[in-house]
């Protein structure tokens, strides 16, 4: 089986049981689907290296000349058939409610 990065992460989440018994198709996941899942602890105390690199984001970005802005980070409750019928049209990748 071959996966792109976001599908691989979603498949690992599925194998780890993070989706419980939900019907999830990991190959339908885009990067935004992965980081918007509410699996991340928003109260996590970041290591000092993370804070030093960027004190204003809730996740850790140690390298890069540009800040990664992860809109809606850790805000979406997973649901059955997640991301299967959602449009992903660039450049905004807007998704209607329920996607």
Foldseek 3Di string as FASTA:
>chain_A
DDADDQLVLVVVCVVVCVLPPAAERSRLDDPLNRQLALPDDQPDDDPPQQCVCPVPDSDRDNDDPDDDDNPNGNPDHDHHHPNVPFDQDPDVRDTDPPD
